[in-house]
Each structure stands twice: as C-alpha cells, then as structure tokens.
Amino acid sequence: MKPLTCLRCDTEMNFLSEEYLQLGKTGWILGDLPNLIAGAMKVVIYICPSCKKLEFYAGENIATDDELPQKTCPRCGTVHDFDYPKCPNCKFCYE
C-alpha cells in the first residue's frame, strides 16, 4: 500500500482494511432485491491515527450482476453470457 498523509493534520495514514460496499438500496416494494442485483464495489480504507479521519479509495473492479462470466458456443464459437439458454448467434440449445 502506498503511504498517504492526512489532509487535516498532515500525519501519515495507516491502512485499515479492504471491504466491499453494497451499491444498491432497499426498496419499499421489492425489499432487498435491487440491493442484491446492484452488486458491490471494493474499497481500500485508510485511517489517520491522530484525528481518526477515514479515507476511502476504489479498489480493483469486481464483477457485478451485469458483468456475468462468459462461455463459448461449441457450434459457432460465439462468446456470450453464461446464463443464456441458447447461443444468440446460431441458436444452439445448451440443454
């Protein structure tokens, strides 16, 4: 981790942890479903030992529900989301 200095008191900040922050919000009708679908963002957290200020920095990108793993069609070689029931190019059925 790179050394950071606190913007308030100019003290070197300490690495605290790496966490995942939930991106969605709880809805009135659907409850936690939008929260689960939104995915999460990895953040790196630093803390100042003097004034206790926290700094959050974006970590590496992680896959969310809209970034699904890919698979290759055995018939035509098209790469597409793994949850498609058939190839969008040649209509090969995976069942």
Protein backbone atom coordinates (compact mmCIF):
# COMPACT_ATOMS: atom_id res chain seq x y z
CA MET A 1 0.00 0.00 0.00
CA LYS A 2 1.27 3.46 -0.85
CA PRO A 3 1.91 5.88 2.04
CA LEU A 4 -0.73 8.60 2.39
CA THR A 5 -0.78 11.72 4.53
CA CYS A 6 -3.89 13.05 6.21
CA LEU A 7 -5.23 16.22 4.61
CA ARG A 8 -6.34 17.60 8.01
CA CYS A 9 -3.35 17.05 10.29
CA ASP A 10 -0.54 16.02 7.88
CA THR A 11 0.07 12.70 9.71
CA GLU A 12 0.86 9.50 7.82
CA MET A 13 -2.32 7.42 7.49
CA ASN A 14 -2.48 3.70 8.32
CA PHE A 15 -4.02 1.02 6.13
CA LEU A 16 -7.20 -0.22 7.84
CA SER A 17 -8.83 -2.80 5.53
CA GLU A 18 -10.27 -3.71 2.15
CA GLU A 19 -14.05 -4.02 2.15
CA TYR A 20 -16.97 -4.41 -0.24
CA LEU A 21 -19.60 -1.66 -0.19
CA GLN A 22 -23.08 -2.61 -1.37
CA LEU A 23 -24.17 -0.36 -4.25
CA GLY A 24 -27.94 -0.87 -4.27
CA LYS A 25 -30.60 0.29 -1.88
CA THR A 26 -33.53 -1.39 -0.18
CA GLY A 27 -36.84 -0.67 -1.88
CA TRP A 28 -40.30 -0.42 -0.43
CA ILE A 29 -41.95 -2.94 -2.77
CA LEU A 30 -39.14 -5.29 -3.78
CA GLY A 31 -37.24 -5.18 -0.49
CA ASP A 32 -33.58 -6.19 -0.79
CA LEU A 33 -33.77 -7.46 -4.40
CA PRO A 34 -32.48 -4.21 -6.02
CA ASN A 35 -29.70 -4.18 -3.43
CA LEU A 36 -28.60 -7.70 -4.38
CA ILE A 37 -28.76 -7.04 -8.12
CA ALA A 38 -26.69 -3.82 -7.91
CA GLY A 39 -23.54 -5.66 -6.83
CA ALA A 40 -20.70 -4.36 -4.68
CA MET A 41 -17.62 -2.15 -5.02
CA LYS A 42 -14.27 -2.98 -3.48
CA VAL A 43 -12.77 -0.11 -1.46
CA VAL A 44 -9.47 0.36 0.36
CA ILE A 45 -9.80 2.17 3.70
CA TYR A 46 -7.11 4.22 5.44
CA ILE A 47 -7.36 5.83 8.91
CA CYS A 48 -5.43 8.71 10.45
CA PRO A 49 -4.07 7.75 13.90
CA SER A 50 -4.23 11.38 15.10
CA CYS A 51 -7.61 12.78 14.03
CA LYS A 52 -9.33 9.43 13.15
CA LYS A 53 -10.31 10.63 9.65
CA LEU A 54 -11.15 7.80 7.24
CA GLU A 55 -10.21 7.85 3.54
CA PHE A 56 -11.90 5.51 1.04
CA TYR A 57 -10.27 4.63 -2.30
CA ALA A 58 -11.70 2.49 -5.08
CA GLY A 59 -10.12 -0.94 -5.18
CA GLU A 60 -9.90 -3.28 -8.15
CA ASN A 61 -13.05 -3.81 -10.17
CA ILE A 62 -15.17 -6.80 -9.27
CA ALA A 63 -17.89 -8.42 -11.32
CA THR A 64 -21.42 -7.31 -10.62
CA ASP A 65 -24.58 -8.97 -11.83
CA ASP A 66 -24.40 -7.06 -15.12
CA GLU A 67 -20.86 -8.38 -15.74
CA LEU A 68 -21.56 -12.09 -16.00
CA PRO A 69 -18.95 -14.74 -16.76
CA GLN A 70 -18.71 -15.73 -20.40
CA LYS A 71 -18.93 -19.07 -22.22
CA THR A 72 -18.18 -20.15 -25.77
CA CYS A 73 -20.71 -21.83 -28.06
CA PRO A 74 -19.44 -25.28 -29.12
CA ARG A 75 -21.08 -24.97 -32.55
CA CYS A 76 -20.11 -21.47 -33.81
CA GLY A 77 -17.55 -20.23 -31.24
CA THR A 78 -19.52 -17.12 -30.21
CA VAL A 79 -18.62 -15.85 -26.72
CA HIS A 80 -21.64 -14.72 -24.67
CA ASP A 81 -23.02 -14.54 -21.10
CA PHE A 82 -23.10 -17.94 -19.41
CA ASP A 83 -26.78 -17.68 -18.42
CA TYR A 84 -28.16 -17.63 -22.00
CA PRO A 85 -30.16 -20.86 -22.59
CA LYS A 86 -29.06 -20.88 -26.24
CA CYS A 87 -26.44 -19.20 -28.40
CA PRO A 88 -27.61 -15.75 -29.57
CA ASN A 89 -25.78 -16.24 -32.89
CA CYS A 90 -26.58 -19.78 -34.13
CA LYS A 91 -29.43 -20.61 -31.65
CA PHE A 92 -27.63 -23.76 -30.41
CA CYS A 93 -29.57 -25.04 -27.35
CA TYR A 94 -27.48 -25.98 -24.27
CA GLU A 95 -30.00 -28.40 -22.76
